[in-house]
Amino acid sequence: MNPKPQELNPHRIILAMSGASGIGYALSLLHVLTELPHIQTHLIISKAAVTILELEAGKRVQDLSLDRVQVHECQDMAAPPASGSWLHQGMIVCPCSMASLAAIRHGTGHNLIHRAADVTIKEKRPLILVPRETPLSSVHLSNMLGLARAGATIMPACPGFYHRPQAVQELIDQLVGRILDQIGITHNLTSRWGEN
């Protein structure tokens, strides 16, 4: 008897946190994704991101609510997201350090974040990179352009102000909402242009 063909699970999302400033964006994304019952979240946190989590949010990984999250070790190159045969809806790297961006662009990655992103590109699945750096050097810009040409979506952490935010969380929500839009997840985090 032939096995049934594997069906795409449209509800798997990979969220990777690398070692750049802006961990609040990642924490908000993680919160929203885990609140959606139809989403299966797969989380990868780099060693540098663990440090940023402590510095910017005063939290350790064990402090996070991960009841509905599958956590993959960043050095586990045999984890499911490392394989193109493991199907998912898309991957978000938030925040995305310039070192991770360069490794993904050049295919020289040495951890699961880089490998999973490389696989996501080659399998032509959505890959969203959220760099948080300024100013940008010509090296950064060249790497971003190369990744955009390869099919990745580059979404620098540049919040808008047209929704007249009154708190920092509203700025975070605005960007998180835009990221979710790009990966096809419905939300009501913020108002849209013309809907005020």
C-alpha atoms as a PDB file:
ATOM      1  CA  MET A   1       0.000   0.000   0.000  1.00  0.00           C
ATOM      2  CA  ASN A   2       1.373   3.406  -0.977  1.00  0.00           C
ATOM      3  CA  PRO A   3       1.610   6.023   1.769  1.00  0.00           C
ATOM      4  CA  LYS A   4      -0.683   9.026   1.487  1.00  0.00           C
ATOM      5  CA  PRO A   5       1.001  12.113   0.047  1.00  0.00           C
ATOM      6  CA  GLN A   6       2.127  14.542   2.727  1.00  0.00           C
ATOM      7  CA  GLU A   7      -0.195  17.529   2.859  1.00  0.00           C
ATOM      8  CA  LEU A   8       1.026  21.052   3.472  1.00  0.00           C
ATOM      9  CA  ASN A   9       0.245  22.154   6.973  1.00  0.00           C
ATOM     10  CA  PRO A  10      -0.648  25.823   6.373  1.00  0.00           C
ATOM     11  CA  HIS A  11      -0.526  26.579  10.071  1.00  0.00           C
ATOM     12  CA  ARG A  12       3.142  25.995  10.904  1.00  0.00           C
ATOM     13  CA  ILE A  13       5.188  29.154  11.410  1.00  0.00           C
ATOM     14  CA  ILE A  14       8.885  29.316  12.274  1.00  0.00           C
ATOM     15  CA  LEU A  15       9.813  32.269  14.482  1.00  0.00           C
ATOM     16  CA  ALA A  16      13.543  32.785  14.898  1.00  0.00           C
ATOM     17  CA  MET A  17      15.134  35.326  17.225  1.00  0.00           C
ATOM     18  CA  SER A  18      18.701  36.316  16.447  1.00  0.00           C
ATOM     19  CA  GLY A  19      21.016  38.621  18.363  1.00  0.00           C
ATOM     20  CA  ALA A  20      19.864  42.096  17.346  1.00  0.00           C
ATOM     21  CA  SER A  21      18.159  44.767  19.376  1.00  0.00           C
ATOM     22  CA  GLY A  22      14.373  44.787  19.117  1.00  0.00           C
ATOM     23  CA  ILE A  23      13.442  41.694  21.111  1.00  0.00           C
ATOM     24  CA  GLY A  24      10.116  43.354  22.005  1.00  0.00           C
ATOM     25  CA  TYR A  25       8.936  42.801  18.429  1.00  0.00           C
ATOM     26  CA  ALA A  26       9.729  39.093  18.694  1.00  0.00           C
ATOM     27  CA  LEU A  27       7.996  38.751  22.057  1.00  0.00           C
ATOM     28  CA  SER A  28       4.848  40.387  20.686  1.00  0.00           C
ATOM     29  CA  LEU A  29       4.938  38.132  17.622  1.00  0.00           C
ATOM     30  CA  LEU A  30       5.337  35.097  19.854  1.00  0.00           C
ATOM     31  CA  HIS A  31       2.394  36.202  22.002  1.00  0.00           C
ATOM     32  CA  VAL A  32       0.099  36.747  19.006  1.00  0.00           C
ATOM     33  CA  LEU A  33       1.069  33.464  17.342  1.00  0.00           C
ATOM     34  CA  THR A  34       0.507  31.428  20.499  1.00  0.00           C
ATOM     35  CA  GLU A  35      -2.907  33.033  21.004  1.00  0.00           C
ATOM     36  CA  LEU A  36      -4.109  31.751  17.619  1.00  0.00           C
ATOM     37  CA  PRO A  37      -5.383  28.166  18.007  1.00  0.00           C
ATOM     38  CA  HIS A  38      -4.838  27.298  14.341  1.00  0.00           C
ATOM     39  CA  ILE A  39      -1.135  28.266  14.377  1.00  0.00           C
ATOM     40  CA  GLN A  40       1.643  25.845  15.318  1.00  0.00           C
ATOM     41  CA  THR A  41       4.653  27.941  16.335  1.00  0.00           C
ATOM     42  CA  HIS A  42       8.207  26.620  16.015  1.00  0.00           C
ATOM     43  CA  LEU A  43      10.717  28.779  17.883  1.00  0.00           C
ATOM     44  CA  ILE A  44      14.480  29.039  17.432  1.00  0.00           C
ATOM     45  CA  ILE A  45      16.492  31.365  19.694  1.00  0.00           C
ATOM     46  CA  SER A  46      20.169  32.050  19.084  1.00  0.00           C
ATOM     47  CA  LYS A  47      22.665  32.285  21.927  1.00  0.00           C
ATOM     48  CA  ALA A  48      23.058  36.029  21.270  1.00  0.00           C
ATOM     49  CA  ALA A  49      19.252  36.470  21.356  1.00  0.00           C
ATOM     50  CA  VAL A  50      19.194  34.881  24.828  1.00  0.00           C
ATOM     51  CA  THR A  51      21.528  37.669  25.970  1.00  0.00           C
ATOM     52  CA  ILE A  52      19.410  40.370  24.272  1.00  0.00           C
ATOM     53  CA  LEU A  53      16.274  38.906  25.869  1.00  0.00           C
ATOM     54  CA  GLU A  54      17.827  39.414  29.288  1.00  0.00           C
ATOM     55  CA  LEU A  55      19.230  42.877  28.509  1.00  0.00           C
ATOM     56  CA  GLU A  56      16.142  44.380  26.840  1.00  0.00           C
ATOM     57  CA  ALA A  57      13.259  42.509  28.471  1.00  0.00           C
ATOM     58  CA  GLY A  58      14.760  41.292  31.756  1.00  0.00           C
ATOM     59  CA  LYS A  59      13.628  37.760  30.897  1.00  0.00           C
ATOM     60  CA  ARG A  60      15.147  34.340  30.514  1.00  0.00           C
ATOM     61  CA  VAL A  61      13.914  31.796  27.981  1.00  0.00           C
ATOM     62  CA  GLN A  62      12.314  29.797  30.796  1.00  0.00           C
ATOM     63  CA  ASP A  63      10.270  32.901  31.718  1.00  0.00           C
ATOM     64  CA  LEU A  64       8.493  32.843  28.354  1.00  0.00           C
ATOM     65  CA  SER A  65       5.083  31.223  27.969  1.00  0.00           C
ATOM     66  CA  LEU A  66       5.973  28.338  25.667  1.00  0.00           C
ATOM     67  CA  ASP A  67       3.147  25.879  26.424  1.00  0.00           C
ATOM     68  CA  ARG A  68       1.960  25.793  22.806  1.00  0.00           C
ATOM     69  CA  VAL A  69       5.376  26.309  21.216  1.00  0.00           C
ATOM     70  CA  GLN A  70       7.795  23.761  19.802  1.00  0.00           C
ATOM     71  CA  VAL A  71      11.282  25.019  20.714  1.00  0.00           C
ATOM     72  CA  HIS A  72      14.236  23.871  18.600  1.00  0.00           C
ATOM     73  CA  GLU A  73      17.829  24.185  19.800  1.00  0.00           C
ATOM     74  CA  CYS A  74      19.724  26.672  17.654  1.00  0.00           C
ATOM     75  CA  GLN A  75      22.620  24.268  17.131  1.00  0.00           C
ATOM     76  CA  ASP A  76      20.400  21.281  16.258  1.00  0.00           C
ATOM     77  CA  MET A  77      21.016  20.967  12.530  1.00  0.00           C
ATOM     78  CA  ALA A  78      18.913  17.783  12.460  1.00  0.00           C
ATOM     79  CA  ALA A  79      15.749  19.538  13.684  1.00  0.00           C
ATOM     80  CA  PRO A  80      12.740  19.459  11.320  1.00  0.00           C
ATOM     81  CA  PRO A  81      13.094  23.097  10.084  1.00  0.00           C
ATOM     82  CA  ALA A  82      16.501  22.172   8.614  1.00  0.00           C
ATOM     83  CA  SER A  83      14.829  20.020   5.964  1.00  0.00           C
ATOM     84  CA  GLY A  84      12.995  21.121   2.844  1.00  0.00           C
ATOM     85  CA  SER A  85      10.680  18.104   3.176  1.00  0.00           C
ATOM     86  CA  TRP A  86       9.325  19.524   6.449  1.00  0.00           C
ATOM     87  CA  LEU A  87       6.459  21.720   5.307  1.00  0.00           C
ATOM     88  CA  HIS A  88       5.545  25.065   6.818  1.00  0.00           C
ATOM     89  CA  GLN A  89       3.738  28.286   5.899  1.00  0.00           C
ATOM     90  CA  GLY A  90       6.715  30.577   6.370  1.00  0.00           C
ATOM     91  CA  MET A  91       9.564  31.780   8.534  1.00  0.00           C
ATOM     92  CA  ILE A  92      10.107  35.059  10.360  1.00  0.00           C
ATOM     93  CA  VAL A  93      13.527  36.110  11.670  1.00  0.00           C
ATOM     94  CA  CYS A  94      12.813  38.842  14.200  1.00  0.00           C
ATOM     95  CA  PRO A  95      14.945  40.570  15.161  1.00  0.00           C
ATOM     96  CA  CYS A  96      17.418  39.737  12.424  1.00  0.00           C
ATOM     97  CA  SER A  97      21.017  40.623  13.188  1.00  0.00           C
ATOM     98  CA  MET A  98      23.267  41.789  10.383  1.00  0.00           C
ATOM     99  CA  ALA A  99      25.473  38.738  11.004  1.00  0.00           C
ATOM    100  CA  SER A 100      22.494  36.422  10.495  1.00  0.00           C
ATOM    101  CA  LEU A 101      21.364  38.401   7.472  1.00  0.00           C
ATOM    102  CA  ALA A 102      24.829  38.032   5.917  1.00  0.00           C
ATOM    103  CA  ALA A 103      25.010  34.312   6.700  1.00  0.00           C
ATOM    104  CA  ILE A 104      21.583  33.725   5.155  1.00  0.00           C
ATOM    105  CA  ARG A 105      22.408  35.818   2.095  1.00  0.00           C
ATOM    106  CA  HIS A 106      25.651  33.947   1.397  1.00  0.00           C
ATOM    107  CA  GLY A 107      24.481  30.482   2.428  1.00  0.00           C
ATOM    108  CA  THR A 108      27.269  30.171   4.975  1.00  0.00           C
ATOM    109  CA  GLY A 109      25.118  29.628   8.029  1.00  0.00           C
ATOM    110  CA  HIS A 110      26.323  27.530  10.923  1.00  0.00           C
ATOM    111  CA  ASN A 111      23.170  27.261  13.014  1.00  0.00           C
ATOM    112  CA  LEU A 112      19.528  26.225  12.641  1.00  0.00           C
ATOM    113  CA  ILE A 113      18.277  29.777  12.036  1.00  0.00           C
ATOM    114  CA  HIS A 114      20.559  30.193   9.034  1.00  0.00           C
ATOM    115  CA  ARG A 115      19.872  26.691   7.714  1.00  0.00           C
ATOM    116  CA  ALA A 116      16.078  26.966   8.104  1.00  0.00           C
ATOM    117  CA  ALA A 117      16.118  30.340   6.323  1.00  0.00           C
ATOM    118  CA  ASP A 118      18.243  28.891   3.521  1.00  0.00           C
ATOM    119  CA  VAL A 119      15.786  26.017   3.142  1.00  0.00           C
ATOM    120  CA  THR A 120      12.836  28.431   3.191  1.00  0.00           C
ATOM    121  CA  ILE A 121      14.375  30.385   0.303  1.00  0.00           C
ATOM    122  CA  LYS A 122      15.214  27.325  -1.781  1.00  0.00           C
ATOM    123  CA  GLU A 123      11.730  25.885  -1.272  1.00  0.00           C
ATOM    124  CA  LYS A 124      10.226  29.268  -2.260  1.00  0.00           C
ATOM    125  CA  ARG A 125       8.306  29.714   0.968  1.00  0.00           C
ATOM    126  CA  PRO A 126       7.785  33.096   2.632  1.00  0.00           C
ATOM    127  CA  LEU A 127      10.839  34.343   4.511  1.00  0.00           C
ATOM    128  CA  ILE A 128      10.511  37.609   6.418  1.00  0.00           C
ATOM    129  CA  LEU A 129      13.626  39.234   7.850  1.00  0.00           C
ATOM    130  CA  VAL A 130      13.227  42.055  10.376  1.00  0.00           C
ATOM    131  CA  PRO A 131      16.578  43.848  10.736  1.00  0.00           C
ATOM    132  CA  ARG A 132      16.945  46.538  13.392  1.00  0.00           C
ATOM    133  CA  GLU A 133      20.090  48.474  12.668  1.00  0.00           C
ATOM    134  CA  THR A 134      21.002  52.042  11.822  1.00  0.00           C
ATOM    135  CA  PRO A 135      22.754  53.491   9.979  1.00  0.00           C
ATOM    136  CA  LEU A 136      22.985  50.852   7.253  1.00  0.00           C
ATOM    137  CA  SER A 137      26.319  50.326   5.537  1.00  0.00           C
ATOM    138  CA  SER A 138      26.698  49.449   1.872  1.00  0.00           C
ATOM    139  CA  VAL A 139      27.463  45.875   3.019  1.00  0.00           C
ATOM    140  CA  HIS A 140      24.138  45.682   4.869  1.00  0.00           C
ATOM    141  CA  LEU A 141      22.251  47.143   1.917  1.00  0.00           C
ATOM    142  CA  SER A 142      23.944  44.804  -0.550  1.00  0.00           C
ATOM    143  CA  ASN A 143      23.019  41.787   1.582  1.00  0.00           C
ATOM    144  CA  MET A 144      19.423  42.965   1.849  1.00  0.00           C
ATOM    145  CA  LEU A 145      19.201  43.498  -1.900  1.00  0.00           C
ATOM    146  CA  GLY A 146      20.627  40.039  -2.551  1.00  0.00           C
ATOM    147  CA  LEU A 147      18.075  38.447  -0.236  1.00  0.00           C
ATOM    148  CA  ALA A 148      15.202  40.452  -1.715  1.00  0.00           C
ATOM    149  CA  ARG A 149      16.239  39.222  -5.166  1.00  0.00           C
ATOM    150  CA  ALA A 150      16.304  35.668  -3.795  1.00  0.00           C
ATOM    151  CA  GLY A 151      12.686  36.038  -2.675  1.00  0.00           C
ATOM    152  CA  ALA A 152      12.935  37.127   0.961  1.00  0.00           C
ATOM    153  CA  THR A 153      10.882  40.013   2.320  1.00  0.00           C
ATOM    154  CA  ILE A 154      12.973  42.609   4.142  1.00  0.00           C
ATOM    155  CA  MET A 155      10.975  44.463   6.809  1.00  0.00           C
ATOM    156  CA  PRO A 156      13.226  46.800   8.807  1.00  0.00           C
ATOM    157  CA  ALA A 157      11.836  47.659  12.223  1.00  0.00           C
ATOM    158  CA  CYS A 158      10.552  51.070  11.121  1.00  0.00           C
ATOM    159  CA  PRO A 159       7.209  51.686  12.827  1.00  0.00           C
ATOM    160  CA  GLY A 160       4.744  54.103  11.285  1.00  0.00           C
ATOM    161  CA  PHE A 161       2.958  56.928  13.032  1.00  0.00           C
ATOM    162  CA  TYR A 162      -0.184  57.407  10.926  1.00  0.00           C
ATOM    163  CA  HIS A 163      -2.219  55.514  13.530  1.00  0.00           C
ATOM    164  CA  ARG A 164      -1.226  58.138  16.145  1.00  0.00           C
ATOM    165  CA  PRO A 165       0.316  55.788  18.718  1.00  0.00           C
ATOM    166  CA  GLN A 166       0.043  56.751  22.364  1.00  0.00           C
ATOM    167  CA  ALA A 167       2.368  54.053  23.738  1.00  0.00           C
ATOM    168  CA  VAL A 168       5.448  52.091  22.713  1.00  0.00           C
ATOM    169  CA  GLN A 169       3.385  48.881  22.529  1.00  0.00           C
ATOM    170  CA  GLU A 170       1.225  50.465  19.821  1.00  0.00           C
ATOM    171  CA  LEU A 171       4.371  51.070  17.747  1.00  0.00           C
ATOM    172  CA  ILE A 172       5.379  47.441  18.247  1.00  0.00           C
ATOM    173  CA  ASP A 173       1.881  46.206  17.369  1.00  0.00           C
ATOM    174  CA  GLN A 174       1.890  48.211  14.152  1.00  0.00           C
ATOM    175  CA  LEU A 175       5.035  46.480  12.890  1.00  0.00           C
ATOM    176  CA  VAL A 176       3.960  43.065  14.176  1.00  0.00           C
ATOM    177  CA  GLY A 177       0.674  43.498  12.304  1.00  0.00           C
ATOM    178  CA  ARG A 178       2.531  44.311   9.077  1.00  0.00           C
ATOM    179  CA  ILE A 179       4.694  41.195   9.528  1.00  0.00           C
ATOM    180  CA  LEU A 180       1.602  39.035  10.041  1.00  0.00           C
ATOM    181  CA  ASP A 181       0.050  40.571   6.909  1.00  0.00           C
ATOM    182  CA  GLN A 182       3.068  39.437   4.900  1.00  0.00           C
ATOM    183  CA  ILE A 183       2.709  35.858   6.060  1.00  0.00           C
ATOM    184  CA  GLY A 184      -1.070  35.762   5.606  1.00  0.00           C
ATOM    185  CA  ILE A 185      -2.234  35.740   9.227  1.00  0.00           C
ATOM    186  CA  THR A 186      -5.366  37.737  10.029  1.00  0.00           C
ATOM    187  CA  HIS A 187      -5.167  40.068  13.028  1.00  0.00           C
ATOM    188  CA  ASN A 188      -6.668  43.211  14.527  1.00  0.00           C
ATOM    189  CA  LEU A 189      -3.555  44.600  16.188  1.00  0.00           C
ATOM    190  CA  THR A 190      -3.762  48.044  14.668  1.00  0.00           C
ATOM    191  CA  SER A 191      -5.933  50.246  12.493  1.00  0.00           C
ATOM    192  CA  ARG A 192      -5.258  50.402   8.770  1.00  0.00           C
ATOM    193  CA  TRP A 193      -4.886  53.426   6.553  1.00  0.00           C
ATOM    194  CA  GLY A 194      -8.313  54.837   5.757  1.00  0.00           C
ATOM    195  CA  GLU A 195     -10.041  52.802   8.465  1.00  0.00           C
ATOM    196  CA  ASN A 196      -9.628  55.229  11.367  1.00  0.00           C
END
